[in-house]
Amino acid sequence: MNRPTGGGGTTARPGGPARPGVPARPVQRPGSNRAASPVRLGDFIRSLVAEMRRVTWPTQQEWISATILTIGLVTVIGFYTYAVDELCGFVFGLVRK
């Protein structure tokens, strides 16, 4: 990710004086005041609808193939889990006797 480090490549603390005699600046973090201000319901719904219009929705054929793939994978994993459970039960049954 490309996040700012806040130090700017120097060893001085953010907001602290970089050199002696230079006054310290208050640290301004972007977006720090967003959590403090309440969002109106109407603004939230408008932005939600705008975001949902930007979504690229799958076609019907993509939905069908994804559903078939999901059902197939769940079935295969179910049979695999059953087989491993039966094998472990058989092995532990031999050990127990």
PDB file of N, CA and C in Angstrom:
ATOM      1  N   MET A   1       0.829  -1.171   0.000  1.00  0.00           N
ATOM      2  CA  MET A   1       0.000   0.000   0.000  1.00  0.00           C
ATOM      3  C   MET A   1       0.870   1.230   0.000  1.00  0.00           C
ATOM      4  N   ASN A   2       0.301   2.291  -0.452  1.00  0.00           N
ATOM      5  CA  ASN A   2       1.041   3.528  -0.549  1.00  0.00           C
ATOM      6  C   ASN A   2       0.519   4.502   0.499  1.00  0.00           C
ATOM      7  N   ARG A   3       0.876   4.270   1.752  1.00  0.00           N
ATOM      8  CA  ARG A   3       0.415   5.111   2.845  1.00  0.00           C
ATOM      9  C   ARG A   3       1.512   6.066   3.268  1.00  0.00           C
ATOM     10  N   PRO A   4       1.122   7.271   3.674  1.00  0.00           N
ATOM     11  CA  PRO A   4       2.145   8.201   4.169  1.00  0.00           C
ATOM     12  C   PRO A   4       2.682   7.726   5.504  1.00  0.00           C
ATOM     13  N   THR A   5       3.966   7.924   5.706  1.00  0.00           N
ATOM     14  CA  THR A   5       4.586   7.490   6.948  1.00  0.00           C
ATOM     15  C   THR A   5       4.443   8.513   8.040  1.00  0.00           C
ATOM     16  N   GLY A   6       4.209   9.741   7.707  1.00  0.00           N
ATOM     17  CA  GLY A   6       4.042  10.790   8.697  1.00  0.00           C
ATOM     18  C   GLY A   6       5.363  11.402   9.125  1.00  0.00           C
ATOM     19  N   GLY A   7       6.469  10.688   8.945  1.00  0.00           N
ATOM     20  CA  GLY A   7       7.759  11.212   9.360  1.00  0.00           C
ATOM     21  C   GLY A   7       8.441  12.015   8.284  1.00  0.00           C
ATOM     22  N   GLY A   8       8.037  11.835   7.057  1.00  0.00           N
ATOM     23  CA  GLY A   8       8.631  12.590   5.966  1.00  0.00           C
ATOM     24  C   GLY A   8      10.087  12.235   5.722  1.00  0.00           C
ATOM     25  N   GLY A   9      10.542  11.081   6.220  1.00  0.00           N
ATOM     26  CA  GLY A   9      11.908  10.663   5.995  1.00  0.00           C
ATOM     27  C   GLY A   9      12.895  11.225   6.992  1.00  0.00           C
ATOM     28  N   THR A  10      12.426  11.971   7.975  1.00  0.00           N
ATOM     29  CA  THR A  10      13.323  12.519   8.979  1.00  0.00           C
ATOM     30  C   THR A  10      13.178  11.738  10.271  1.00  0.00           C
ATOM     31  N   THR A  11      14.070  11.970  11.191  1.00  0.00           N
ATOM     32  CA  THR A  11      13.992  11.287  12.473  1.00  0.00           C
ATOM     33  C   THR A  11      13.166  12.066  13.481  1.00  0.00           C
ATOM     34  N   ALA A  12      12.733  13.276  13.124  1.00  0.00           N
ATOM     35  CA  ALA A  12      11.922  14.084  14.037  1.00  0.00           C
ATOM     36  C   ALA A  12      10.503  13.539  14.081  1.00  0.00           C
ATOM     37  N   ARG A  13       9.847  13.694  15.220  1.00  0.00           N
ATOM     38  CA  ARG A  13       8.466  13.262  15.352  1.00  0.00           C
ATOM     39  C   ARG A  13       7.567  14.162  14.519  1.00  0.00           C
ATOM     40  N   PRO A  14       6.457  13.607  13.960  1.00  0.00           N
ATOM     41  CA  PRO A  14       5.530  14.448  13.207  1.00  0.00           C
ATOM     42  C   PRO A  14       4.931  15.509  14.123  1.00  0.00           C
ATOM     43  N   GLY A  15       4.924  16.734  13.668  1.00  0.00           N
ATOM     44  CA  GLY A  15       4.374  17.828  14.445  1.00  0.00           C
ATOM     45  C   GLY A  15       5.395  18.474  15.363  1.00  0.00           C
ATOM     46  N   GLY A  16       6.493  17.812  15.604  1.00  0.00           N
ATOM     47  CA  GLY A  16       7.533  18.359  16.466  1.00  0.00           C
ATOM     48  C   GLY A  16       8.467  19.234  15.666  1.00  0.00           C
ATOM     49  N   PRO A  17       9.316  19.994  16.343  1.00  0.00           N
ATOM     50  CA  PRO A  17      10.234  20.853  15.599  1.00  0.00           C
ATOM     51  C   PRO A  17      11.292  20.025  14.876  1.00  0.00           C
ATOM     52  N   ALA A  18      11.502  20.348  13.612  1.00  0.00           N
ATOM     53  CA  ALA A  18      12.516  19.646  12.836  1.00  0.00           C
ATOM     54  C   ALA A  18      13.909  20.134  13.214  1.00  0.00           C
ATOM     55  N   ARG A  19      13.998  21.420  13.565  1.00  0.00           N
ATOM     56  CA  ARG A  19      15.271  22.002  13.974  1.00  0.00           C
ATOM     57  C   ARG A  19      15.042  22.802  15.253  1.00  0.00           C
ATOM     58  N   PRO A  20      16.056  22.976  16.042  1.00  0.00           N
ATOM     59  CA  PRO A  20      15.884  23.814  17.231  1.00  0.00           C
ATOM     60  C   PRO A  20      15.530  25.240  16.831  1.00  0.00           C
ATOM     61  N   GLY A  21      14.586  25.826  17.536  1.00  0.00           N
ATOM     62  CA  GLY A  21      14.186  27.192  17.261  1.00  0.00           C
ATOM     63  C   GLY A  21      13.037  27.313  16.290  1.00  0.00           C
ATOM     64  N   VAL A  22      12.652  26.232  15.622  1.00  0.00           N
ATOM     65  CA  VAL A  22      11.532  26.262  14.685  1.00  0.00           C
ATOM     66  C   VAL A  22      10.290  25.827  15.454  1.00  0.00           C
ATOM     67  N   PRO A  23       9.221  26.634  15.458  1.00  0.00           N
ATOM     68  CA  PRO A  23       8.032  26.265  16.221  1.00  0.00           C
ATOM     69  C   PRO A  23       7.361  25.017  15.651  1.00  0.00           C
ATOM     70  N   ALA A  24       6.756  24.243  16.549  1.00  0.00           N
ATOM     71  CA  ALA A  24       6.086  23.014  16.140  1.00  0.00           C
ATOM     72  C   ALA A  24       4.753  23.337  15.491  1.00  0.00           C
ATOM     73  N   ARG A  25       4.400  22.593  14.451  1.00  0.00           N
ATOM     74  CA  ARG A  25       3.100  22.740  13.801  1.00  0.00           C
ATOM     75  C   ARG A  25       2.170  21.657  14.321  1.00  0.00           C
ATOM     76  N   PRO A  26       0.890  21.946  14.477  1.00  0.00           N
ATOM     77  CA  PRO A  26      -0.040  20.883  14.886  1.00  0.00           C
ATOM     78  C   PRO A  26      -0.195  19.866  13.756  1.00  0.00           C
ATOM     79  N   VAL A  27      -0.316  18.610  14.111  1.00  0.00           N
ATOM     80  CA  VAL A  27      -0.440  17.541  13.119  1.00  0.00           C
ATOM     81  C   VAL A  27      -1.869  17.523  12.602  1.00  0.00           C
ATOM     82  N   GLN A  28      -2.033  17.650  11.290  1.00  0.00           N
ATOM     83  CA  GLN A  28      -3.344  17.567  10.655  1.00  0.00           C
ATOM     84  C   GLN A  28      -3.443  16.228   9.957  1.00  0.00           C
ATOM     85  N   ARG A  29      -4.285  15.367  10.460  1.00  0.00           N
ATOM     86  CA  ARG A  29      -4.478  14.062   9.829  1.00  0.00           C
ATOM     87  C   ARG A  29      -5.686  14.149   8.905  1.00  0.00           C
ATOM     88  N   PRO A  30      -5.523  13.739   7.642  1.00  0.00           N
ATOM     89  CA  PRO A  30      -6.644  13.832   6.715  1.00  0.00           C
ATOM     90  C   PRO A  30      -7.775  12.894   7.146  1.00  0.00           C
ATOM     91  N   GLY A  31      -9.002  13.410   7.099  1.00  0.00           N
ATOM     92  CA  GLY A  31     -10.156  12.592   7.433  1.00  0.00           C
ATOM     93  C   GLY A  31     -10.391  12.419   8.915  1.00  0.00           C
ATOM     94  N   SER A  32      -9.617  13.099   9.759  1.00  0.00           N
ATOM     95  CA  SER A  32      -9.761  12.891  11.190  1.00  0.00           C
ATOM     96  C   SER A  32     -11.043  13.511  11.730  1.00  0.00           C
ATOM     97  N   ASN A  33     -11.615  14.485  11.028  1.00  0.00           N
ATOM     98  CA  ASN A  33     -12.828  15.110  11.521  1.00  0.00           C
ATOM     99  C   ASN A  33     -14.090  14.490  10.938  1.00  0.00           C
ATOM    100  N   ARG A  34     -13.973  13.516  10.050  1.00  0.00           N
ATOM    101  CA  ARG A  34     -15.147  12.905   9.438  1.00  0.00           C
ATOM    102  C   ARG A  34     -15.946  12.095  10.443  1.00  0.00           C
ATOM    103  N   ALA A  35     -15.302  11.407  11.348  1.00  0.00           N
ATOM    104  CA  ALA A  35     -16.012  10.567  12.296  1.00  0.00           C
ATOM    105  C   ALA A  35     -16.783  11.407  13.305  1.00  0.00           C
ATOM    106  N   ALA A  36     -16.367  12.637  13.538  1.00  0.00           N
ATOM    107  CA  ALA A  36     -17.014  13.478  14.534  1.00  0.00           C
ATOM    108  C   ALA A  36     -18.313  14.081  14.011  1.00  0.00           C
ATOM    109  N   SER A  37     -18.424  14.317  12.710  1.00  0.00           N
ATOM    110  CA  SER A  37     -19.629  14.939  12.178  1.00  0.00           C
ATOM    111  C   SER A  37     -20.634  13.870  11.759  1.00  0.00           C
ATOM    112  N   PRO A  38     -21.884  13.997  12.225  1.00  0.00           N
ATOM    113  CA  PRO A  38     -22.890  13.005  11.850  1.00  0.00           C
ATOM    114  C   PRO A  38     -23.283  13.166  10.385  1.00  0.00           C
ATOM    115  N   VAL A  39     -23.646  12.062   9.752  1.00  0.00           N
ATOM    116  CA  VAL A  39     -24.057  12.062   8.355  1.00  0.00           C
ATOM    117  C   VAL A  39     -25.576  11.976   8.323  1.00  0.00           C
ATOM    118  N   ARG A  40     -26.194  12.822   7.534  1.00  0.00           N
ATOM    119  CA  ARG A  40     -27.646  12.790   7.412  1.00  0.00           C
ATOM    120  C   ARG A  40     -28.068  11.554   6.638  1.00  0.00           C
ATOM    121  N   LEU A  41     -29.230  11.047   6.958  1.00  0.00           N
ATOM    122  CA  LEU A  41     -29.734   9.842   6.320  1.00  0.00           C
ATOM    123  C   LEU A  41     -29.910  10.049   4.817  1.00  0.00           C
ATOM    124  N   GLY A  42     -30.423  11.211   4.420  1.00  0.00           N
ATOM    125  CA  GLY A  42     -30.616  11.491   2.994  1.00  0.00           C
ATOM    126  C   GLY A  42     -29.303  11.512   2.234  1.00  0.00           C
ATOM    127  N   ASP A  43     -28.268  12.115   2.831  1.00  0.00           N
ATOM    128  CA  ASP A  43     -26.950  12.137   2.189  1.00  0.00           C
ATOM    129  C   ASP A  43     -26.387  10.728   2.062  1.00  0.00           C
ATOM    130  N   PHE A  44     -26.583   9.936   3.103  1.00  0.00           N
ATOM    131  CA  PHE A  44     -26.084   8.560   3.068  1.00  0.00           C
ATOM    132  C   PHE A  44     -26.760   7.768   1.967  1.00  0.00           C
ATOM    133  N   ILE A  45     -28.077   7.883   1.851  1.00  0.00           N
ATOM    134  CA  ILE A  45     -28.812   7.114   0.830  1.00  0.00           C
ATOM    135  C   ILE A  45     -28.428   7.583  -0.564  1.00  0.00           C
ATOM    136  N   ARG A  46     -28.260   8.904  -0.759  1.00  0.00           N
ATOM    137  CA  ARG A  46     -27.841   9.402  -2.071  1.00  0.00           C
ATOM    138  C   ARG A  46     -26.467   8.861  -2.459  1.00  0.00           C
ATOM    139  N   SER A  47     -25.541   8.864  -1.521  1.00  0.00           N
ATOM    140  CA  SER A  47     -24.208   8.347  -1.843  1.00  0.00           C
ATOM    141  C   SER A  47     -24.234   6.837  -2.036  1.00  0.00           C
ATOM    142  N   LEU A  48     -25.111   6.147  -1.296  1.00  0.00           N
ATOM    143  CA  LEU A  48     -25.248   4.701  -1.474  1.00  0.00           C
ATOM    144  C   LEU A  48     -25.776   4.370  -2.868  1.00  0.00           C
ATOM    145  N   VAL A  49     -26.804   5.082  -3.307  1.00  0.00           N
ATOM    146  CA  VAL A  49     -27.360   4.851  -4.644  1.00  0.00           C
ATOM    147  C   VAL A  49     -26.322   5.173  -5.716  1.00  0.00           C
ATOM    148  N   ALA A  50     -25.549   6.240  -5.525  1.00  0.00           N
ATOM    149  CA  ALA A  50     -24.511   6.592  -6.500  1.00  0.00           C
ATOM    150  C   ALA A  50     -23.452   5.501  -6.586  1.00  0.00           C
ATOM    151  N   GLU A  51     -23.058   4.940  -5.446  1.00  0.00           N
ATOM    152  CA  GLU A  51     -22.066   3.849  -5.458  1.00  0.00           C
ATOM    153  C   GLU A  51     -22.627   2.595  -6.120  1.00  0.00           C
ATOM    154  N   MET A  52     -23.878   2.278  -5.842  1.00  0.00           N
ATOM    155  CA  MET A  52     -24.475   1.074  -6.412  1.00  0.00           C
ATOM    156  C   MET A  52     -24.617   1.182  -7.925  1.00  0.00           C
ATOM    157  N   ARG A  53     -24.759   2.406  -8.446  1.00  0.00           N
ATOM    158  CA  ARG A  53     -24.818   2.579  -9.903  1.00  0.00           C
ATOM    159  C   ARG A  53     -23.458   2.364 -10.552  1.00  0.00           C
ATOM    160  N   ARG A  54     -22.389   2.535  -9.793  1.00  0.00           N
ATOM    161  CA  ARG A  54     -21.036   2.339 -10.336  1.00  0.00           C
ATOM    162  C   ARG A  54     -20.621   0.863 -10.363  1.00  0.00           C
ATOM    163  N   VAL A  55     -21.360   0.018  -9.668  1.00  0.00           N
ATOM    164  CA  VAL A  55     -21.002  -1.396  -9.571  1.00  0.00           C
ATOM    165  C   VAL A  55     -21.202  -2.068 -10.923  1.00  0.00           C
ATOM    166  N   THR A  56     -20.275  -2.916 -11.292  1.00  0.00           N
ATOM    167  CA  THR A  56     -20.421  -3.722 -12.490  1.00  0.00           C
ATOM    168  C   THR A  56     -21.068  -5.043 -12.084  1.00  0.00           C
ATOM    169  N   TRP A  57     -22.344  -5.178 -12.397  1.00  0.00           N
ATOM    170  CA  TRP A  57     -23.092  -6.358 -11.989  1.00  0.00           C
ATOM    171  C   TRP A  57     -22.845  -7.491 -12.979  1.00  0.00           C
ATOM    172  N   PRO A  58     -22.785  -8.740 -12.498  1.00  0.00           N
ATOM    173  CA  PRO A  58     -22.563  -9.877 -13.405  1.00  0.00           C
ATOM    174  C   PRO A  58     -23.801 -10.137 -14.275  1.00  0.00           C
ATOM    175  N   THR A  59     -23.548 -10.734 -15.429  1.00  0.00           N
ATOM    176  CA  THR A  59     -24.643 -11.101 -16.323  1.00  0.00           C
ATOM    177  C   THR A  59     -25.327 -12.357 -15.795  1.00  0.00           C
ATOM    178  N   GLN A  60     -26.454 -12.697 -16.408  1.00  0.00           N
ATOM    179  CA  GLN A  60     -27.184 -13.889 -15.972  1.00  0.00           C
ATOM    180  C   GLN A  60     -26.331 -15.143 -16.190  1.00  0.00           C
ATOM    181  N   GLN A  61     -25.598 -15.198 -17.296  1.00  0.00           N
ATOM    182  CA  GLN A  61     -24.748 -16.366 -17.560  1.00  0.00           C
ATOM    183  C   GLN A  61     -23.641 -16.479 -16.512  1.00  0.00           C
ATOM    184  N   GLU A  62     -23.075 -15.343 -16.084  1.00  0.00           N
ATOM    185  CA  GLU A  62     -22.049 -15.376 -15.034  1.00  0.00           C
ATOM    186  C   GLU A  62     -22.631 -15.841 -13.704  1.00  0.00           C
ATOM    187  N   TRP A  63     -23.863 -15.395 -13.386  1.00  0.00           N
ATOM    188  CA  TRP A  63     -24.525 -15.854 -12.159  1.00  0.00           C
ATOM    189  C   TRP A  63     -24.737 -17.360 -12.192  1.00  0.00           C
ATOM    190  N   ILE A  64     -25.224 -17.865 -13.321  1.00  0.00           N
ATOM    191  CA  ILE A  64     -25.511 -19.295 -13.445  1.00  0.00           C
ATOM    192  C   ILE A  64     -24.227 -20.109 -13.310  1.00  0.00           C
ATOM    193  N   SER A  65     -23.172 -19.716 -14.009  1.00  0.00           N
ATOM    194  CA  SER A  65     -21.928 -20.488 -13.941  1.00  0.00           C
ATOM    195  C   SER A  65     -21.298 -20.407 -12.551  1.00  0.00           C
ATOM    196  N   ALA A  66     -21.395 -19.263 -11.882  1.00  0.00           N
ATOM    197  CA  ALA A  66     -20.854 -19.156 -10.522  1.00  0.00           C
ATOM    198  C   ALA A  66     -21.650 -20.022  -9.547  1.00  0.00           C
ATOM    199  N   THR A  67     -22.977 -20.088  -9.731  1.00  0.00           N
ATOM    200  CA  THR A  67     -23.811 -20.916  -8.864  1.00  0.00           C
ATOM    201  C   THR A  67     -23.511 -22.391  -9.068  1.00  0.00           C
ATOM    202  N   ILE A  68     -23.369 -22.807 -10.325  1.00  0.00           N
ATOM    203  CA  ILE A  68     -23.048 -24.214 -10.605  1.00  0.00           C
ATOM    204  C   ILE A  68     -21.676 -24.564 -10.042  1.00  0.00           C
ATOM    205  N   LEU A  69     -20.707 -23.686 -10.201  1.00  0.00           N
ATOM    206  CA  LEU A  69     -19.377 -23.921  -9.661  1.00  0.00           C
ATOM    207  C   LEU A  69     -19.421 -24.055  -8.136  1.00  0.00           C
ATOM    208  N   THR A  70     -20.180 -23.178  -7.480  1.00  0.00           N
ATOM    209  CA  THR A  70     -20.282 -23.226  -6.021  1.00  0.00           C
ATOM    210  C   THR A  70     -20.912 -24.528  -5.559  1.00  0.00           C
ATOM    211  N   ILE A  71     -22.016 -24.935  -6.188  1.00  0.00           N
ATOM    212  CA  ILE A  71     -22.681 -26.184  -5.799  1.00  0.00           C
ATOM    213  C   ILE A  71     -21.749 -27.366  -6.042  1.00  0.00           C
ATOM    214  N   GLY A  72     -21.036 -27.359  -7.173  1.00  0.00           N
ATOM    215  CA  GLY A  72     -20.102 -28.448  -7.463  1.00  0.00           C
ATOM    216  C   GLY A  72     -18.974 -28.532  -6.450  1.00  0.00           C
ATOM    217  N   LEU A  73     -18.385 -27.388  -6.109  1.00  0.00           N
ATOM    218  CA  LEU A  73     -17.292 -27.401  -5.133  1.00  0.00           C
ATOM    219  C   LEU A  73     -17.754 -27.835  -3.747  1.00  0.00           C
ATOM    220  N   VAL A  74     -18.933 -27.385  -3.331  1.00  0.00           N
ATOM    221  CA  VAL A  74     -19.456 -27.801  -2.026  1.00  0.00           C
ATOM    222  C   VAL A  74     -19.693 -29.303  -2.011  1.00  0.00           C
ATOM    223  N   THR A  75     -20.210 -29.852  -3.105  1.00  0.00           N
ATOM    224  CA  THR A  75     -20.450 -31.301  -3.193  1.00  0.00           C
ATOM    225  C   THR A  75     -19.138 -32.075  -3.138  1.00  0.00           C
ATOM    226  N   VAL A  76     -18.132 -31.647  -3.901  1.00  0.00           N
ATOM    227  CA  VAL A  76     -16.840 -32.339  -3.916  1.00  0.00           C
ATOM    228  C   VAL A  76     -16.182 -32.274  -2.537  1.00  0.00           C
ATOM    229  N   ILE A  77     -16.198 -31.122  -1.901  1.00  0.00           N
ATOM    230  CA  ILE A  77     -15.586 -30.984  -0.576  1.00  0.00           C
ATOM    231  C   ILE A  77     -16.352 -31.816   0.450  1.00  0.00           C
ATOM    232  N   GLY A  78     -17.675 -31.898   0.299  1.00  0.00           N
ATOM    233  CA  GLY A  78     -18.475 -32.737   1.195  1.00  0.00           C
ATOM    234  C   GLY A  78     -18.104 -34.202   1.067  1.00  0.00           C
ATOM    235  N   PHE A  79     -17.975 -34.701  -0.170  1.00  0.00           N
ATOM    236  CA  PHE A  79     -17.573 -36.097  -0.367  1.00  0.00           C
ATOM    237  C   PHE A  79     -16.160 -36.350   0.146  1.00  0.00           C
ATOM    238  N   TYR A  80     -15.258 -35.406  -0.066  1.00  0.00           N
ATOM    239  CA  TYR A  80     -13.886 -35.548   0.420  1.00  0.00           C
ATOM    240  C   TYR A  80     -13.865 -35.616   1.947  1.00  0.00           C
ATOM    241  N   THR A  81     -14.620 -34.732   2.593  1.00  0.00           N
ATOM    242  CA  THR A  81     -14.675 -34.735   4.053  1.00  0.00           C
ATOM    243  C   THR A  81     -15.263 -36.039   4.571  1.00  0.00           C
ATOM    244  N   TYR A  82     -16.295 -36.532   3.910  1.00  0.00           N
ATOM    245  CA  TYR A  82     -16.900 -37.814   4.299  1.00  0.00           C
ATOM    246  C   TYR A  82     -15.895 -38.950   4.164  1.00  0.00           C
ATOM    247  N   ALA A  83     -15.162 -38.975   3.055  1.00  0.00           N
ATOM    248  CA  ALA A  83     -14.195 -40.046   2.833  1.00  0.00           C
ATOM    249  C   ALA A  83     -13.075 -40.007   3.877  1.00  0.00           C
ATOM    250  N   VAL A  84     -12.564 -38.829   4.178  1.00  0.00           N
ATOM    251  CA  VAL A  84     -11.505 -38.708   5.184  1.00  0.00           C
ATOM    252  C   VAL A  84     -12.036 -39.111   6.559  1.00  0.00           C
ATOM    253  N   ASP A  85     -13.275 -38.756   6.877  1.00  0.00           N
ATOM    254  CA  ASP A  85     -13.873 -39.128   8.152  1.00  0.00           C
ATOM    255  C   ASP A  85     -14.018 -40.644   8.258  1.00  0.00           C
ATOM    256  N   GLU A  86     -14.470 -41.276   7.190  1.00  0.00           N
ATOM    257  CA  GLU A  86     -14.608 -42.738   7.203  1.00  0.00           C
ATOM    258  C   GLU A  86     -13.242 -43.419   7.321  1.00  0.00           C
ATOM    259  N   LEU A  87     -12.243 -42.893   6.620  1.00  0.00           N
ATOM    260  CA  LEU A  87     -10.901 -43.468   6.685  1.00  0.00           C
ATOM    261  C   LEU A  87     -10.325 -43.331   8.086  1.00  0.00           C
ATOM    262  N   CYS A  88     -10.466 -42.163   8.680  1.00  0.00           N
ATOM    263  CA  CYS A  88      -9.963 -41.972  10.051  1.00  0.00           C
ATOM    264  C   CYS A  88     -10.703 -42.859  11.030  1.00  0.00           C
ATOM    265  N   GLY A  89     -12.011 -43.005  10.858  1.00  0.00           N
ATOM    266  CA  GLY A  89     -12.785 -43.901  11.721  1.00  0.00           C
ATOM    267  C   GLY A  89     -12.319 -45.337  11.591  1.00  0.00           C
ATOM    268  N   PHE A  90     -12.020 -45.763  10.368  1.00  0.00           N
ATOM    269  CA  PHE A  90     -11.535 -47.130  10.150  1.00  0.00           C
ATOM    270  C   PHE A  90     -10.170 -47.335  10.811  1.00  0.00           C
ATOM    271  N   VAL A  91      -9.242 -46.373  10.607  1.00  0.00           N
ATOM    272  CA  VAL A  91      -7.908 -46.483  11.189  1.00  0.00           C
ATOM    273  C   VAL A  91      -7.960 -46.462  12.710  1.00  0.00           C
ATOM    274  N   PHE A  92      -8.730 -45.550  13.289  1.00  0.00           N
ATOM    275  CA  PHE A  92      -8.833 -45.502  14.742  1.00  0.00           C
ATOM    276  C   PHE A  92      -9.551 -46.722  15.302  1.00  0.00           C
ATOM    277  N   GLY A  93     -10.459 -47.309  14.502  1.00  0.00           N
ATOM    278  CA  GLY A  93     -11.119 -48.555  14.916  1.00  0.00           C
ATOM    279  C   GLY A  93     -10.117 -49.695  14.988  1.00  0.00           C
ATOM    280  N   LEU A  94      -9.165 -49.746  14.053  1.00  0.00           N
ATOM    281  CA  LEU A  94      -8.134 -50.779  14.081  1.00  0.00           C
ATOM    282  C   LEU A  94      -7.202 -50.571  15.270  1.00  0.00           C
ATOM    283  N   VAL A  95      -6.859 -49.344  15.563  1.00  0.00           N
ATOM    284  CA  VAL A  95      -5.949 -49.048  16.664  1.00  0.00           C
ATOM    285  C   VAL A  95      -6.609 -49.373  17.995  1.00  0.00           C
ATOM    286  N   ARG A  96      -7.893 -49.129  18.103  1.00  0.00           N
ATOM    287  CA  ARG A  96      -8.597 -49.315  19.355  1.00  0.00           C
ATOM    288  C   ARG A  96      -8.766 -50.800  19.715  1.00  0.00           C
ATOM    289  N   LYS A  97      -8.820 -51.685  18.749  1.00  0.00           N
ATOM    290  CA  LYS A  97      -9.034 -53.127  19.022  1.00  0.00           C
ATOM    291  C   LYS A  97      -7.809 -53.806  19.537  1.00  0.00           C
TER     292      LYS A  97
END
